PDB file of N, CA and C in Angstrom:
ATOM      1  N   MET A   1      20.256 145.850  90.323  1.00  0.00           N
ATOM      2  CA  MET A   1      20.313 144.810  89.303  1.00  0.00           C
ATOM      3  C   MET A   1      19.226 145.000  88.241  1.00  0.00           C
ATOM      4  N   TYR A   2      18.063 145.415  88.667  1.00  0.00           N
ATOM      5  CA  TYR A   2      16.927 145.530  87.749  1.00  0.00           C
ATOM      6  C   TYR A   2      16.664 146.960  87.270  1.00  0.00           C
ATOM      7  N   GLU A   3      17.474 147.902  87.675  1.00  0.00           N
ATOM      8  CA  GLU A   3      17.183 149.306  87.381  1.00  0.00           C
ATOM      9  C   GLU A   3      17.060 149.597  85.888  1.00  0.00           C
ATOM     10  N   GLN A   4      17.920 149.013  85.058  1.00  0.00           N
ATOM     11  CA  GLN A   4      17.831 149.248  83.611  1.00  0.00           C
ATOM     12  C   GLN A   4      16.521 148.704  83.048  1.00  0.00           C
ATOM     13  N   VAL A   5      16.093 147.568  83.556  1.00  0.00           N
ATOM     14  CA  VAL A   5      14.818 146.987  83.110  1.00  0.00           C
ATOM     15  C   VAL A   5      13.669 147.910  83.506  1.00  0.00           C
ATOM     16  N   PHE A   6      13.693 148.401  84.745  1.00  0.00           N
ATOM     17  CA  PHE A   6      12.631 149.300  85.199  1.00  0.00           C
ATOM     18  C   PHE A   6      12.618 150.600  84.396  1.00  0.00           C
ATOM     19  N   GLU A   7      13.778 151.099  84.030  1.00  0.00           N
ATOM     20  CA  GLU A   7      13.834 152.304  83.193  1.00  0.00           C
ATOM     21  C   GLU A   7      13.122 152.068  81.862  1.00  0.00           C
ATOM     22  N   LYS A   8      13.368 150.923  81.236  1.00  0.00           N
ATOM     23  CA  LYS A   8      12.699 150.596  79.972  1.00  0.00           C
ATOM     24  C   LYS A   8      11.201 150.406  80.174  1.00  0.00           C
ATOM     25  N   LEU A   9      10.834 149.660  81.210  1.00  0.00           N
ATOM     26  CA  LEU A   9       9.413 149.399  81.476  1.00  0.00           C
ATOM     27  C   LEU A   9       8.653 150.686  81.767  1.00  0.00           C
ATOM     28  N   ASN A  10       9.284 151.607  82.471  1.00  0.00           N
ATOM     29  CA  ASN A  10       8.629 152.878  82.807  1.00  0.00           C
ATOM     30  C   ASN A  10       8.337 153.725  81.571  1.00  0.00           C
ATOM     31  N   LYS A  11       9.038 153.487  80.485  1.00  0.00           N
ATOM     32  CA  LYS A  11       8.800 154.223  79.242  1.00  0.00           C
ATOM     33  C   LYS A  11       7.618 153.653  78.451  1.00  0.00           C
ATOM     34  N   SER A  12       7.160 152.476  78.845  1.00  0.00           N
ATOM     35  CA  SER A  12       6.024 151.844  78.180  1.00  0.00           C
ATOM     36  C   SER A  12       4.727 152.339  78.812  1.00  0.00           C
ATOM     37  N   LYS A  13       3.877 152.947  78.008  1.00  0.00           N
ATOM     38  CA  LYS A  13       2.588 153.436  78.506  1.00  0.00           C
ATOM     39  C   LYS A  13       1.773 152.286  79.095  1.00  0.00           C
ATOM     40  N   PHE A  14       1.786 151.128  78.421  1.00  0.00           N
ATOM     41  CA  PHE A  14       1.025 149.971  78.890  1.00  0.00           C
ATOM     42  C   PHE A  14       1.586 149.436  80.204  1.00  0.00           C
ATOM     43  N   ARG A  15       2.875 149.186  80.272  1.00  0.00           N
ATOM     44  CA  ARG A  15       3.489 148.592  81.472  1.00  0.00           C
ATOM     45  C   ARG A  15       3.409 149.533  82.672  1.00  0.00           C
ATOM     46  N   SER A  16       3.605 150.804  82.444  1.00  0.00           N
ATOM     47  CA  SER A  16       3.662 151.753  83.560  1.00  0.00           C
ATOM     48  C   SER A  16       2.291 152.064  84.159  1.00  0.00           C
ATOM     49  N   ARG A  17       1.227 151.626  83.519  1.00  0.00           N
ATOM     50  CA  ARG A  17      -0.106 151.914  84.077  1.00  0.00           C
ATOM     51  C   ARG A  17      -0.505 150.946  85.193  1.00  0.00           C
ATOM     52  N   PHE A  18       0.228 149.855  85.345  1.00  0.00           N
ATOM     53  CA  PHE A  18      -0.112 148.886  86.385  1.00  0.00           C
ATOM     54  C   PHE A  18       0.344 149.380  87.752  1.00  0.00           C
ATOM     55  N   LYS A  19      -0.574 149.316  88.710  1.00  0.00           N
ATOM     56  CA  LYS A  19      -0.313 149.716  90.096  1.00  0.00           C
ATOM     57  C   LYS A  19      -1.049 148.734  91.006  1.00  0.00           C
ATOM     58  N   LEU A  20      -0.520 148.528  92.179  1.00  0.00           N
ATOM     59  CA  LEU A  20      -1.225 147.694  93.152  1.00  0.00           C
ATOM     60  C   LEU A  20      -2.405 148.463  93.724  1.00  0.00           C
ATOM     61  N   THR A  21      -3.515 147.792  93.888  1.00  0.00           N
ATOM     62  CA  THR A  21      -4.691 148.378  94.521  1.00  0.00           C
ATOM     63  C   THR A  21      -4.563 148.250  96.035  1.00  0.00           C
ATOM     64  N   GLN A  22      -5.441 148.921  96.753  1.00  0.00           N
ATOM     65  CA  GLN A  22      -5.448 148.771  98.212  1.00  0.00           C
ATOM     66  C   GLN A  22      -5.742 147.325  98.596  1.00  0.00           C
ATOM     67  N   LYS A  23      -6.614 146.677  97.833  1.00  0.00           N
ATOM     68  CA  LYS A  23      -6.924 145.263  98.089  1.00  0.00           C
ATOM     69  C   LYS A  23      -5.659 144.408  97.943  1.00  0.00           C
ATOM     70  N   ASP A  24      -4.846 144.691  96.913  1.00  0.00           N
ATOM     71  CA  ASP A  24      -3.575 143.976  96.724  1.00  0.00           C
ATOM     72  C   ASP A  24      -2.645 144.210  97.910  1.00  0.00           C
ATOM     73  N   ARG A  25      -2.544 145.465  98.334  1.00  0.00           N
ATOM     74  CA  ARG A  25      -1.678 145.818  99.466  1.00  0.00           C
ATOM     75  C   ARG A  25      -2.139 145.122 100.753  1.00  0.00           C
ATOM     76  N   ASP A  26      -3.434 145.094 100.966  1.00  0.00           N
ATOM     77  CA  ASP A  26      -3.981 144.413 102.143  1.00  0.00           C
ATOM     78  C   ASP A  26      -3.665 142.922 102.097  1.00  0.00           C
ATOM     79  N   TYR A  27      -3.775 142.342 100.921  1.00  0.00           N
ATOM     80  CA  TYR A  27      -3.463 140.915 100.751  1.00  0.00           C
ATOM     81  C   TYR A  27      -1.993 140.653 101.080  1.00  0.00           C
ATOM     82  N   ILE A  28      -1.115 141.511 100.586  1.00  0.00           N
ATOM     83  CA  ILE A  28       0.318 141.376 100.872  1.00  0.00           C
ATOM     84  C   ILE A  28       0.569 141.509 102.368  1.00  0.00           C
ATOM     85  N   ASN A  29      -0.058 142.478 102.999  1.00  0.00           N
ATOM     86  CA  ASN A  29       0.119 142.679 104.447  1.00  0.00           C
ATOM     87  C   ASN A  29      -0.391 141.484 105.243  1.00  0.00           C
ATOM     88  N   THR A  30      -1.472 140.887 104.795  1.00  0.00           N
ATOM     89  CA  THR A  30      -2.041 139.729 105.481  1.00  0.00           C
ATOM     90  C   THR A  30      -1.168 138.491 105.299  1.00  0.00           C
ATOM     91  N   LYS A  31      -0.729 138.246 104.077  1.00  0.00           N
ATOM     92  CA  LYS A  31       0.025 137.026 103.760  1.00  0.00           C
ATOM     93  C   LYS A  31       1.509 137.141 104.073  1.00  0.00           C
ATOM     94  N   GLY A  32       2.072 138.332 103.908  1.00  0.00           N
ATOM     95  CA  GLY A  32       3.512 138.520 104.098  1.00  0.00           C
ATOM     96  C   GLY A  32       4.260 138.346 102.790  1.00  0.00           C
ATOM     97  N   LEU A  33       5.400 139.015 102.681  1.00  0.00           N
ATOM     98  CA  LEU A  33       6.158 139.008 101.427  1.00  0.00           C
ATOM     99  C   LEU A  33       6.728 137.630 101.083  1.00  0.00           C
ATOM    100  N   GLU A  34       7.073 136.837 102.084  1.00  0.00           N
ATOM    101  CA  GLU A  34       7.607 135.496 101.782  1.00  0.00           C
ATOM    102  C   GLU A  34       6.551 134.622 101.109  1.00  0.00           C
ATOM    103  N   THR A  35       5.318 134.717 101.575  1.00  0.00           N
ATOM    104  CA  THR A  35       4.234 133.955 100.944  1.00  0.00           C
ATOM    105  C   THR A  35       3.991 134.460  99.525  1.00  0.00           C
ATOM    106  N   ILE A  36       4.010 135.769  99.346  1.00  0.00           N
ATOM    107  CA  ILE A  36       3.822 136.343  98.014  1.00  0.00           C
ATOM    108  C   ILE A  36       4.937 135.863  97.086  1.00  0.00           C
ATOM    109  N   LYS A  37       6.165 135.815  97.597  1.00  0.00           N
ATOM    110  CA  LYS A  37       7.287 135.320  96.794  1.00  0.00           C
ATOM    111  C   LYS A  37       7.072 133.860  96.408  1.00  0.00           C
ATOM    112  N   GLN A  38       6.561 133.064  97.334  1.00  0.00           N
ATOM    113  CA  GLN A  38       6.272 131.657  97.008  1.00  0.00           C
ATOM    114  C   GLN A  38       5.200 131.559  95.932  1.00  0.00           C
ATOM    115  N   HIS A  39       4.189 132.431  96.001  1.00  0.00           N
ATOM    116  CA  HIS A  39       3.164 132.467  94.959  1.00  0.00           C
ATOM    117  C   HIS A  39       3.805 132.812  93.611  1.00  0.00           C
ATOM    118  N   ALA A  40       4.693 133.802  93.612  1.00  0.00           N
ATOM    119  CA  ALA A  40       5.371 134.208  92.373  1.00  0.00           C
ATOM    120  C   ALA A  40       6.177 133.045  91.798  1.00  0.00           C
ATOM    121  N   LYS A  41       6.918 132.359  92.647  1.00  0.00           N
ATOM    122  CA  LYS A  41       7.704 131.208  92.190  1.00  0.00           C
ATOM    123  C   LYS A  41       6.796 130.147  91.577  1.00  0.00           C
ATOM    124  N   ASP A  42       5.693 129.881  92.240  1.00  0.00           N
ATOM    125  CA  ASP A  42       4.756 128.863  91.768  1.00  0.00           C
ATOM    126  C   ASP A  42       4.120 129.274  90.436  1.00  0.00           C
ATOM    127  N   PHE A  43       3.677 130.522  90.338  1.00  0.00           N
ATOM    128  CA  PHE A  43       3.064 131.000  89.093  1.00  0.00           C
ATOM    129  C   PHE A  43       4.059 130.943  87.942  1.00  0.00           C
ATOM    130  N   VAL A  44       5.283 131.376  88.184  1.00  0.00           N
ATOM    131  CA  VAL A  44       6.305 131.356  87.121  1.00  0.00           C
ATOM    132  C   VAL A  44       6.599 129.908  86.729  1.00  0.00           C
ATOM    133  N   ARG A  45       6.796 129.046  87.714  1.00  0.00           N
ATOM    134  CA  ARG A  45       7.124 127.641  87.429  1.00  0.00           C
ATOM    135  C   ARG A  45       6.025 126.938  86.639  1.00  0.00           C
ATOM    136  N   ARG A  46       4.781 127.134  87.059  1.00  0.00           N
ATOM    137  CA  ARG A  46       3.671 126.412  86.433  1.00  0.00           C
ATOM    138  C   ARG A  46       3.135 127.066  85.156  1.00  0.00           C
ATOM    139  N   ARG A  47       3.091 128.403  85.125  1.00  0.00           N
ATOM    140  CA  ARG A  47       2.412 129.104  84.040  1.00  0.00           C
ATOM    141  C   ARG A  47       3.347 129.703  82.999  1.00  0.00           C
ATOM    142  N   ILE A  48       4.609 129.921  83.346  1.00  0.00           N
ATOM    143  CA  ILE A  48       5.524 130.646  82.463  1.00  0.00           C
ATOM    144  C   ILE A  48       6.711 129.794  82.013  1.00  0.00           C
ATOM    145  N   ALA A  49       7.270 128.995  82.900  1.00  0.00           N
ATOM    146  CA  ALA A  49       8.524 128.281  82.629  1.00  0.00           C
ATOM    147  C   ALA A  49       8.444 127.157  81.600  1.00  0.00           C
ATOM    148  N   PRO A  50       7.320 126.438  81.468  1.00  0.00           N
ATOM    149  CA  PRO A  50       7.322 125.325  80.515  1.00  0.00           C
ATOM    150  C   PRO A  50       7.626 125.770  79.081  1.00  0.00           C
ATOM    151  N   ALA A  51       8.224 124.862  78.324  1.00  0.00           N
ATOM    152  CA  ALA A  51       8.559 125.162  76.928  1.00  0.00           C
ATOM    153  C   ALA A  51       7.293 125.404  76.111  1.00  0.00           C
ATOM    154  N   GLU A  52       6.281 124.616  76.350  1.00  0.00           N
ATOM    155  CA  GLU A  52       5.016 124.748  75.626  1.00  0.00           C
ATOM    156  C   GLU A  52       3.910 125.087  76.617  1.00  0.00           C
ATOM    157  N   ILE A  53       3.211 126.162  76.351  1.00  0.00           N
ATOM    158  CA  ILE A  53       2.121 126.607  77.214  1.00  0.00           C
ATOM    159  C   ILE A  53       0.865 126.672  76.351  1.00  0.00           C
ATOM    160  N   GLU A  54      -0.124 125.898  76.733  1.00  0.00           N
ATOM    161  CA  GLU A  54      -1.343 125.768  75.931  1.00  0.00           C
ATOM    162  C   GLU A  54      -2.015 127.102  75.645  1.00  0.00           C
ATOM    163  N   ASN A  55      -2.139 127.938  76.634  1.00  0.00           N
ATOM    164  CA  ASN A  55      -2.850 129.211  76.463  1.00  0.00           C
ATOM    165  C   ASN A  55      -1.897 130.400  76.587  1.00  0.00           C
ATOM    166  N   ASP A  56      -0.703 130.266  76.025  1.00  0.00           N
ATOM    167  CA  ASP A  56       0.293 131.333  76.160  1.00  0.00           C
ATOM    168  C   ASP A  56      -0.267 132.647  75.630  1.00  0.00           C
ATOM    169  N   GLY A  57      -0.056 133.683  76.399  1.00  0.00           N
ATOM    170  CA  GLY A  57      -0.590 135.001  76.070  1.00  0.00           C
ATOM    171  C   GLY A  57      -1.879 135.294  76.807  1.00  0.00           C
ATOM    172  N   LYS A  58      -2.465 134.258  77.407  1.00  0.00           N
ATOM    173  CA  LYS A  58      -3.721 134.426  78.141  1.00  0.00           C
ATOM    174  C   LYS A  58      -3.656 133.772  79.521  1.00  0.00           C
ATOM    175  N   GLN A  59      -2.486 133.281  79.920  1.00  0.00           N
ATOM    176  CA  GLN A  59      -2.393 132.521  81.159  1.00  0.00           C
ATOM    177  C   GLN A  59      -2.308 133.378  82.420  1.00  0.00           C
ATOM    178  N   THR A  60      -2.067 134.670  82.276  1.00  0.00           N
ATOM    179  CA  THR A  60      -1.923 135.527  83.447  1.00  0.00           C
ATOM    180  C   THR A  60      -3.061 136.538  83.505  1.00  0.00           C
ATOM    181  N   PRO A  61      -3.942 136.396  84.492  1.00  0.00           N
ATOM    182  CA  PRO A  61      -5.021 137.385  84.643  1.00  0.00           C
ATOM    183  C   PRO A  61      -4.447 138.784  84.882  1.00  0.00           C
ATOM    184  N   MET A  62      -5.226 139.799  84.601  1.00  0.00           N
ATOM    185  CA  MET A  62      -4.782 141.184  84.749  1.00  0.00           C
ATOM    186  C   MET A  62      -4.939 141.698  86.183  1.00  0.00           C
ATOM    187  N   LYS A  63      -5.689 140.974  87.016  1.00  0.00           N
ATOM    188  CA  LYS A  63      -5.946 141.447  88.382  1.00  0.00           C
ATOM    189  C   LYS A  63      -6.274 140.262  89.275  1.00  0.00           C
ATOM    190  N   ASN A  64      -6.623 140.569  90.517  1.00  0.00           N
ATOM    191  CA  ASN A  64      -7.050 139.612  91.536  1.00  0.00           C
ATOM    192  C   ASN A  64      -5.915 138.899  92.260  1.00  0.00           C
ATOM    193  N   HIS A  65      -4.687 139.276  92.010  1.00  0.00           N
ATOM    194  CA  HIS A  65      -3.549 138.832  92.814  1.00  0.00           C
ATOM    195  C   HIS A  65      -2.404 139.797  92.529  1.00  0.00           C
ATOM    196  N   PRO A  66      -1.692 140.241  93.568  1.00  0.00           N
ATOM    197  CA  PRO A  66      -0.616 141.204  93.332  1.00  0.00           C
ATOM    198  C   PRO A  66       0.470 140.683  92.394  1.00  0.00           C
ATOM    199  N   VAL A  67       0.717 139.385  92.402  1.00  0.00           N
ATOM    200  CA  VAL A  67       1.731 138.838  91.494  1.00  0.00           C
ATOM    201  C   VAL A  67       1.273 138.951  90.043  1.00  0.00           C
ATOM    202  N   PHE A  68       0.001 138.738  89.772  1.00  0.00           N
ATOM    203  CA  PHE A  68      -0.499 138.886  88.406  1.00  0.00           C
ATOM    204  C   PHE A  68      -0.285 140.310  87.902  1.00  0.00           C
ATOM    205  N   VAL A  69      -0.596 141.281  88.741  1.00  0.00           N
ATOM    206  CA  VAL A  69      -0.403 142.692  88.376  1.00  0.00           C
ATOM    207  C   VAL A  69       1.079 142.948  88.110  1.00  0.00           C
ATOM    208  N   ALA A  70       1.918 142.444  89.001  1.00  0.00           N
ATOM    209  CA  ALA A  70       3.367 142.631  88.850  1.00  0.00           C
ATOM    210  C   ALA A  70       3.893 141.949  87.586  1.00  0.00           C
ATOM    211  N   GLN A  71       3.346 140.802  87.250  1.00  0.00           N
ATOM    212  CA  GLN A  71       3.784 140.116  86.031  1.00  0.00           C
ATOM    213  C   GLN A  71       3.526 140.977  84.795  1.00  0.00           C
ATOM    214  N   HIS A  72       2.380 141.620  84.745  1.00  0.00           N
ATOM    215  CA  HIS A  72       2.083 142.495  83.605  1.00  0.00           C
ATOM    216  C   HIS A  72       2.951 143.750  83.640  1.00  0.00           C
ATOM    217  N   ALA A  73       3.153 144.308  84.809  1.00  0.00           N
ATOM    218  CA  ALA A  73       3.963 145.519  84.942  1.00  0.00           C
ATOM    219  C   ALA A  73       5.410 145.283  84.536  1.00  0.00           C
ATOM    220  N   THR A  74       5.898 144.056  84.753  1.00  0.00           N
ATOM    221  CA  THR A  74       7.301 143.734  84.494  1.00  0.00           C
ATOM    222  C   THR A  74       7.502 142.916  83.219  1.00  0.00           C
ATOM    223  N   ALA A  75       6.447 142.736  82.441  1.00  0.00           N
ATOM    224  CA  ALA A  75       6.506 141.959  81.189  1.00  0.00           C
ATOM    225  C   ALA A  75       6.949 140.519  81.443  1.00  0.00           C
ATOM    226  N   CYS A  76       6.443 139.951  82.529  1.00  0.00           N
ATOM    227  CA  CYS A  76       6.704 138.549  82.868  1.00  0.00           C
ATOM    228  C   CYS A  76       5.409 137.744  82.801  1.00  0.00           C
ATOM    229  N   CYS A  77       4.500 138.165  81.948  1.00  0.00           N
ATOM    230  CA  CYS A  77       3.153 137.609  81.924  1.00  0.00           C
ATOM    231  C   CYS A  77       2.975 136.466  80.926  1.00  0.00           C
ATOM    232  N   CYS A  78       3.768 136.437  79.865  1.00  0.00           N
ATOM    233  CA  CYS A  78       3.684 135.368  78.869  1.00  0.00           C
ATOM    234  C   CYS A  78       5.040 135.258  78.183  1.00  0.00           C
ATOM    235  N   ARG A  79       5.215 134.184  77.452  1.00  0.00           N
ATOM    236  CA  ARG A  79       6.522 133.965  76.839  1.00  0.00           C
ATOM    237  C   ARG A  79       6.825 134.970  75.732  1.00  0.00           C
ATOM    238  N   GLY A  80       5.806 135.474  75.070  1.00  0.00           N
ATOM    239  CA  GLY A  80       6.034 136.499  74.052  1.00  0.00           C
ATOM    240  C   GLY A  80       6.594 137.775  74.657  1.00  0.00           C
ATOM    241  N   CYS A  81       5.998 138.221  75.744  1.00  0.00           N
ATOM    242  CA  CYS A  81       6.488 139.427  76.430  1.00  0.00           C
ATOM    243  C   CYS A  81       7.868 139.188  77.028  1.00  0.00           C
ATOM    244  N   ILE A  82       8.075 138.007  77.578  1.00  0.00           N
ATOM    245  CA  ILE A  82       9.373 137.684  78.173  1.00  0.00           C
ATOM    246  C   ILE A  82      10.462 137.696  77.097  1.00  0.00           C
ATOM    247  N   LYS A  83      10.166 137.152  75.925  1.00  0.00           N
ATOM    248  CA  LYS A  83      11.145 137.178  74.836  1.00  0.00           C
ATOM    249  C   LYS A  83      11.437 138.618  74.418  1.00  0.00           C
ATOM    250  N   LYS A  84      10.387 139.392  74.235  1.00  0.00           N
ATOM    251  CA  LYS A  84      10.551 140.778  73.781  1.00  0.00           C
ATOM    252  C   LYS A  84      11.329 141.623  74.790  1.00  0.00           C
ATOM    253  N   TRP A  85      10.977 141.529  76.059  1.00  0.00           N
ATOM    254  CA  TRP A  85      11.529 142.428  77.071  1.00  0.00           C
ATOM    255  C   TRP A  85      12.774 141.882  77.772  1.00  0.00           C
ATOM    256  N   HIS A  86      12.875 140.554  77.882  1.00  0.00           N
ATOM    257  CA  HIS A  86      13.965 139.968  78.671  1.00  0.00           C
ATOM    258  C   HIS A  86      14.884 139.059  77.863  1.00  0.00           C
ATOM    259  N   GLY A  87      14.501 138.748  76.629  1.00  0.00           N
ATOM    260  CA  GLY A  87      15.370 137.996  75.735  1.00  0.00           C
ATOM    261  C   GLY A  87      15.407 136.493  75.956  1.00  0.00           C
ATOM    262  N   PHE A  88      14.483 135.953  76.752  1.00  0.00           N
ATOM    263  CA  PHE A  88      14.447 134.507  76.973  1.00  0.00           C
ATOM    264  C   PHE A  88      13.596 133.865  75.883  1.00  0.00           C
ATOM    265  N   GLU A  89      14.184 132.976  75.135  1.00  0.00           N
ATOM    266  CA  GLU A  89      13.507 132.359  73.991  1.00  0.00           C
ATOM    267  C   GLU A  89      12.234 131.625  74.391  1.00  0.00           C
ATOM    268  N   ALA A  90      11.224 131.761  73.561  1.00  0.00           N
ATOM    269  CA  ALA A  90       9.983 131.004  73.730  1.00  0.00           C
ATOM    270  C   ALA A  90      10.216 129.588  73.195  1.00  0.00           C
ATOM    271  N   GLY A  91       9.389 128.646  73.622  1.00  0.00           N
ATOM    272  CA  GLY A  91       9.494 127.278  73.123  1.00  0.00           C
ATOM    273  C   GLY A  91      10.598 126.472  73.781  1.00  0.00           C
ATOM    274  N   VAL A  92      11.228 127.045  74.807  1.00  0.00           N
ATOM    275  CA  VAL A  92      12.307 126.387  75.539  1.00  0.00           C
ATOM    276  C   VAL A  92      12.002 126.525  77.026  1.00  0.00           C
ATOM    277  N   GLN A  93      12.142 125.437  77.766  1.00  0.00           N
ATOM    278  CA  GLN A  93      11.940 125.477  79.215  1.00  0.00           C
ATOM    279  C   GLN A  93      12.856 126.532  79.822  1.00  0.00           C
ATOM    280  N   LEU A  94      12.303 127.392  80.674  1.00  0.00           N
ATOM    281  CA  LEU A  94      13.133 128.378  81.368  1.00  0.00           C
ATOM    282  C   LEU A  94      14.030 127.675  82.388  1.00  0.00           C
ATOM    283  N   THR A  95      15.264 128.110  82.470  1.00  0.00           N
ATOM    284  CA  THR A  95      16.191 127.550  83.452  1.00  0.00           C
ATOM    285  C   THR A  95      15.814 128.035  84.853  1.00  0.00           C
ATOM    286  N   ASP A  96      16.386 127.388  85.852  1.00  0.00           N
ATOM    287  CA  ASP A  96      16.164 127.837  87.233  1.00  0.00           C
ATOM    288  C   ASP A  96      16.625 129.274  87.399  1.00  0.00           C
ATOM    289  N   GLU A  97      17.761 129.616  86.783  1.00  0.00           N
ATOM    290  CA  GLU A  97      18.297 130.977  86.893  1.00  0.00           C
ATOM    291  C   GLU A  97      17.357 131.994  86.243  1.00  0.00           C
ATOM    292  N   GLN A  98      16.801 131.655  85.098  1.00  0.00           N
ATOM    293  CA  GLN A  98      15.855 132.555  84.431  1.00  0.00           C
ATOM    294  C   GLN A  98      14.596 132.731  85.272  1.00  0.00           C
ATOM    295  N   GLN A  99      14.122 131.650  85.864  1.00  0.00           N
ATOM    296  CA  GLN A  99      12.950 131.738  86.730  1.00  0.00           C
ATOM    297  C   GLN A  99      13.250 132.615  87.951  1.00  0.00           C
ATOM    298  N   GLU A 100      14.426 132.447  88.548  1.00  0.00           N
ATOM    299  CA  GLU A 100      14.817 133.271  89.691  1.00  0.00           C
ATOM    300  C   GLU A 100      14.888 134.745  89.296  1.00  0.00           C
ATOM    301  N   TYR A 101      15.413 135.033  88.109  1.00  0.00           N
ATOM    302  CA  TYR A 101      15.478 136.410  87.615  1.00  0.00           C
ATOM    303  C   TYR A 101      14.074 137.008  87.531  1.00  0.00           C
ATOM    304  N   LEU A 102      13.132 136.276  86.927  1.00  0.00           N
ATOM    305  CA  LEU A 102      11.764 136.777  86.770  1.00  0.00           C
ATOM    306  C   LEU A 102      11.091 136.981  88.123  1.00  0.00           C
ATOM    307  N   VAL A 103      11.243 136.020  89.024  1.00  0.00           N
ATOM    308  CA  VAL A 103      10.650 136.150  90.364  1.00  0.00           C
ATOM    309  C   VAL A 103      11.271 137.344  91.090  1.00  0.00           C
ATOM    310  N   GLY A 104      12.575 137.507  90.973  1.00  0.00           N
ATOM    311  CA  GLY A 104      13.246 138.647  91.597  1.00  0.00           C
ATOM    312  C   GLY A 104      12.732 139.967  91.064  1.00  0.00           C
ATOM    313  N   LEU A 105      12.523 140.037  89.759  1.00  0.00           N
ATOM    314  CA  LEU A 105      11.997 141.249  89.130  1.00  0.00           C
ATOM    315  C   LEU A 105      10.577 141.540  89.616  1.00  0.00           C
ATOM    316  N   ILE A 106       9.755 140.522  89.653  1.00  0.00           N
ATOM    317  CA  ILE A 106       8.380 140.657  90.146  1.00  0.00           C
ATOM    318  C   ILE A 106       8.378 141.158  91.583  1.00  0.00           C
ATOM    319  N   MET A 107       9.202 140.563  92.423  1.00  0.00           N
ATOM    320  CA  MET A 107       9.238 140.951  93.836  1.00  0.00           C
ATOM    321  C   MET A 107       9.822 142.350  94.021  1.00  0.00           C
ATOM    322  N   GLU A 108      10.787 142.712  93.220  1.00  0.00           N
ATOM    323  CA  GLU A 108      11.342 144.070  93.304  1.00  0.00           C
ATOM    324  C   GLU A 108      10.264 145.094  92.954  1.00  0.00           C
ATOM    325  N   TRP A 109       9.469 144.801  91.918  1.00  0.00           N
ATOM    326  CA  TRP A 109       8.379 145.706  91.536  1.00  0.00           C
ATOM    327  C   TRP A 109       7.367 145.818  92.678  1.00  0.00           C
ATOM    328  N   ILE A 110       7.003 144.701  93.267  1.00  0.00           N
ATOM    329  CA  ILE A 110       6.057 144.705  94.390  1.00  0.00           C
ATOM    330  C   ILE A 110       6.622 145.523  95.543  1.00  0.00           C
ATOM    331  N   ASN A 111       7.880 145.310  95.866  1.00  0.00           N
ATOM    332  CA  ASN A 111       8.509 146.063  96.968  1.00  0.00           C
ATOM    333  C   ASN A 111       8.495 147.564  96.693  1.00  0.00           C
ATOM    334  N   LYS A 112       8.726 147.960  95.452  1.00  0.00           N
ATOM    335  CA  LYS A 112       8.685 149.378  95.101  1.00  0.00           C
ATOM    336  C   LYS A 112       7.263 149.932  95.257  1.00  0.00           C
ATOM    337  N   GLN A 113       6.276 149.116  94.949  1.00  0.00           N
ATOM    338  CA  GLN A 113       4.885 149.547  95.036  1.00  0.00           C
ATOM    339  C   GLN A 113       4.406 149.733  96.477  1.00  0.00           C
ATOM    340  N   ILE A 114       4.922 148.930  97.381  1.00  0.00           N
ATOM    341  CA  ILE A 114       4.400 148.986  98.757  1.00  0.00           C
ATOM    342  C   ILE A 114       5.154 149.978  99.635  1.00  0.00           C
ATOM    343  N   LYS A 115       6.194 150.593  99.107  1.00  0.00           N
ATOM    344  CA  LYS A 115       6.942 151.588  99.898  1.00  0.00           C
ATOM    345  C   LYS A 115       6.330 152.942  99.788  1.00  0.00           C
TER     346      LYS A 115
END
């Protein structure tokens, strides 16, 4: 489902430089993928999905959680990147389906990284 998106992202020098660190991998192993998925859902719902985001473009740290790294790698880090890469309009609340798509993409990237 996401292969075409990954092909495009892999061509981006910026997006393709993101990789999980050993610390990220250890965190995933400790918490489990279901917990990581819940974190992704929560981050997307609270930081990405609202129509208006006070600090849009700066709301996703570049490190210190595997989901944050994955958000940058998959262009799910701010509404500007999401509009550019995924076509979801900024200034409009993301639908449940759009949020599920982003979380699925984030988790697929994480799964590819840990294999």
